[in-house]
Amino acid sequence: GQSLGYGFVNYVEAGDADRAIGALNGLKLQTKTIKVSYARPSSASIRDANLYVSGLPKAMGQREMEQLFSQYGRIITSRILVDQVAG
C-alpha cells in the first residue's frame, strides 16, 4: 500500500513517548519534516503514550518507522495509514 504520510506509535511508558517527541519532532526524513505529538488516548492504560506522526515519507514502511521509534522505548503497537483505494 501507499502511505498517506501519517502513522501512530503506542508506547508502554509515557516517558518514552516524551523522549520520542523531543528527539523526533521536526526531524527531516528524505524531503519531509515529520511532526510527532500526542494522539488522543484510546484508553486510560496508554494515556500520554500514544503518538501521532505526520509528514512521513510515502516510501517509509512499517518496519522503518518501528526502527526509528523503538530506540525510545518498547512499542505496544504501531501502524502507518495507507490509501485504501490504491491498496
C-alpha atoms as a PDB file:
ATOM      1  CA  GLY A   1       0.000   0.000   0.000  1.00  0.00           C
ATOM      2  CA  GLN A   2       0.987   3.599  -0.387  1.00  0.00           C
ATOM      3  CA  SER A   3       1.472   5.608   2.773  1.00  0.00           C
ATOM      4  CA  LEU A   4      -0.654   8.683   3.355  1.00  0.00           C
ATOM      5  CA  GLY A   5       2.245  10.102   5.373  1.00  0.00           C
ATOM      6  CA  TYR A   6       0.602   9.507   8.770  1.00  0.00           C
ATOM      7  CA  GLY A   7       1.272   6.968  11.476  1.00  0.00           C
ATOM      8  CA  PHE A   8       0.706   6.071  15.105  1.00  0.00           C
ATOM      9  CA  VAL A   9       3.096   4.679  17.715  1.00  0.00           C
ATOM     10  CA  ASN A  10       1.903   3.445  21.122  1.00  0.00           C
ATOM     11  CA  TYR A  11       4.489   3.090  23.887  1.00  0.00           C
ATOM     12  CA  VAL A  12       4.277   1.175  27.135  1.00  0.00           C
ATOM     13  CA  GLU A  13       5.649   4.119  29.150  1.00  0.00           C
ATOM     14  CA  ALA A  14       4.563   7.749  28.801  1.00  0.00           C
ATOM     15  CA  GLY A  15       8.150   8.891  29.388  1.00  0.00           C
ATOM     16  CA  ASP A  16       9.246   7.025  26.271  1.00  0.00           C
ATOM     17  CA  ALA A  17       6.674   8.948  24.251  1.00  0.00           C
ATOM     18  CA  ASP A  18       8.001  12.210  25.721  1.00  0.00           C
ATOM     19  CA  ARG A  19      11.546  11.337  24.677  1.00  0.00           C
ATOM     20  CA  ALA A  20      10.461  10.355  21.161  1.00  0.00           C
ATOM     21  CA  ILE A  21       8.580  13.639  20.744  1.00  0.00           C
ATOM     22  CA  GLY A  22      11.577  15.624  21.980  1.00  0.00           C
ATOM     23  CA  ALA A  23      14.023  13.848  19.707  1.00  0.00           C
ATOM     24  CA  LEU A  24      11.982  13.260  16.554  1.00  0.00           C
ATOM     25  CA  ASN A  25       9.514  16.137  16.231  1.00  0.00           C
ATOM     26  CA  GLY A  26      10.743  18.293  13.340  1.00  0.00           C
ATOM     27  CA  LEU A  27      13.199  15.657  12.084  1.00  0.00           C
ATOM     28  CA  LYS A  28      13.873  15.809   8.350  1.00  0.00           C
ATOM     29  CA  LEU A  29      13.414  12.445   6.601  1.00  0.00           C
ATOM     30  CA  GLN A  30      14.125  12.428   2.890  1.00  0.00           C
ATOM     31  CA  THR A  31      12.262  15.523   1.646  1.00  0.00           C
ATOM     32  CA  LYS A  32       9.753  15.615   4.536  1.00  0.00           C
ATOM     33  CA  THR A  33       9.783  17.132   8.010  1.00  0.00           C
ATOM     34  CA  ILE A  34       7.878  14.917  10.417  1.00  0.00           C
ATOM     35  CA  LYS A  35       5.601  16.141  13.201  1.00  0.00           C
ATOM     36  CA  VAL A  36       5.353  13.971  16.304  1.00  0.00           C
ATOM     37  CA  SER A  37       2.801  14.727  19.011  1.00  0.00           C
ATOM     38  CA  TYR A  38       0.407  13.063  21.400  1.00  0.00           C
ATOM     39  CA  ALA A  39      -2.649  11.455  19.855  1.00  0.00           C
ATOM     40  CA  ARG A  40      -5.975  11.261  21.633  1.00  0.00           C
ATOM     41  CA  PRO A  41      -5.637   8.357  24.035  1.00  0.00           C
ATOM     42  CA  SER A  42      -7.747   5.330  23.224  1.00  0.00           C
ATOM     43  CA  SER A  43      -7.757   4.092  26.804  1.00  0.00           C
ATOM     44  CA  ALA A  44      -6.577   5.111  30.250  1.00  0.00           C
ATOM     45  CA  SER A  45      -3.871   2.424  30.203  1.00  0.00           C
ATOM     46  CA  ILE A  46      -1.955   4.123  27.382  1.00  0.00           C
ATOM     47  CA  ARG A  47      -2.803   7.739  28.162  1.00  0.00           C
ATOM     48  CA  ASP A  48       0.072  10.026  27.156  1.00  0.00           C
ATOM     49  CA  ALA A  49       1.912   7.187  25.422  1.00  0.00           C
ATOM     50  CA  ASN A  50       0.036   7.251  22.100  1.00  0.00           C
ATOM     51  CA  LEU A  51       1.814   9.319  19.433  1.00  0.00           C
ATOM     52  CA  TYR A  52       0.547  10.708  16.156  1.00  0.00           C
ATOM     53  CA  VAL A  53       3.163  11.124  13.432  1.00  0.00           C
ATOM     54  CA  SER A  54       2.571  13.163  10.289  1.00  0.00           C
ATOM     55  CA  GLY A  55       4.742  14.009   7.313  1.00  0.00           C
ATOM     56  CA  LEU A  56       6.231  10.543   6.937  1.00  0.00           C
ATOM     57  CA  PRO A  57       7.858   9.921   3.565  1.00  0.00           C
ATOM     58  CA  LYS A  58       5.466   7.958   1.361  1.00  0.00           C
ATOM     59  CA  ALA A  59       8.163   5.325   0.823  1.00  0.00           C
ATOM     60  CA  MET A  60       8.563   4.679   4.573  1.00  0.00           C
ATOM     61  CA  GLY A  61       7.344   1.262   5.626  1.00  0.00           C
ATOM     62  CA  GLN A  62       6.127  -0.147   8.919  1.00  0.00           C
ATOM     63  CA  ARG A  63       9.472  -1.738   9.770  1.00  0.00           C
ATOM     64  CA  GLU A  64      11.369   1.514   9.138  1.00  0.00           C
ATOM     65  CA  MET A  65       9.007   3.511  11.319  1.00  0.00           C
ATOM     66  CA  GLU A  66       9.319   0.988  14.145  1.00  0.00           C
ATOM     67  CA  GLN A  67      13.117   1.050  13.880  1.00  0.00           C
ATOM     68  CA  LEU A  68      13.113   4.840  14.109  1.00  0.00           C
ATOM     69  CA  PHE A  69      10.856   4.945  17.191  1.00  0.00           C
ATOM     70  CA  SER A  70      11.982   1.758  19.000  1.00  0.00           C
ATOM     71  CA  GLN A  71      15.160   3.391  20.271  1.00  0.00           C
ATOM     72  CA  TYR A  72      12.950   5.479  22.603  1.00  0.00           C
ATOM     73  CA  GLY A  73      11.174   2.608  24.330  1.00  0.00           C
ATOM     74  CA  ARG A  74       9.064  -0.506  23.963  1.00  0.00           C
ATOM     75  CA  ILE A  75       6.360  -0.098  21.362  1.00  0.00           C
ATOM     76  CA  ILE A  76       2.967  -1.682  22.032  1.00  0.00           C
ATOM     77  CA  THR A  77       1.606  -1.171  18.512  1.00  0.00           C
ATOM     78  CA  SER A  78       2.289   0.996  15.502  1.00  0.00           C
ATOM     79  CA  ARG A  79       0.701   1.498  12.140  1.00  0.00           C
ATOM     80  CA  ILE A  80       1.055   3.589   9.027  1.00  0.00           C
ATOM     81  CA  LEU A  81      -2.157   4.735   7.412  1.00  0.00           C
ATOM     82  CA  VAL A  82      -2.381   3.720   3.753  1.00  0.00           C
ATOM     83  CA  ASP A  83      -4.519   4.712   0.815  1.00  0.00           C
ATOM     84  CA  GLN A  84      -7.393   2.202   0.845  1.00  0.00           C
ATOM     85  CA  VAL A  85      -8.283   2.872  -2.802  1.00  0.00           C
ATOM     86  CA  ALA A  86      -4.785   2.300  -4.168  1.00  0.00           C
ATOM     87  CA  GLY A  87      -4.100  -0.526  -1.702  1.00  0.00           C
END
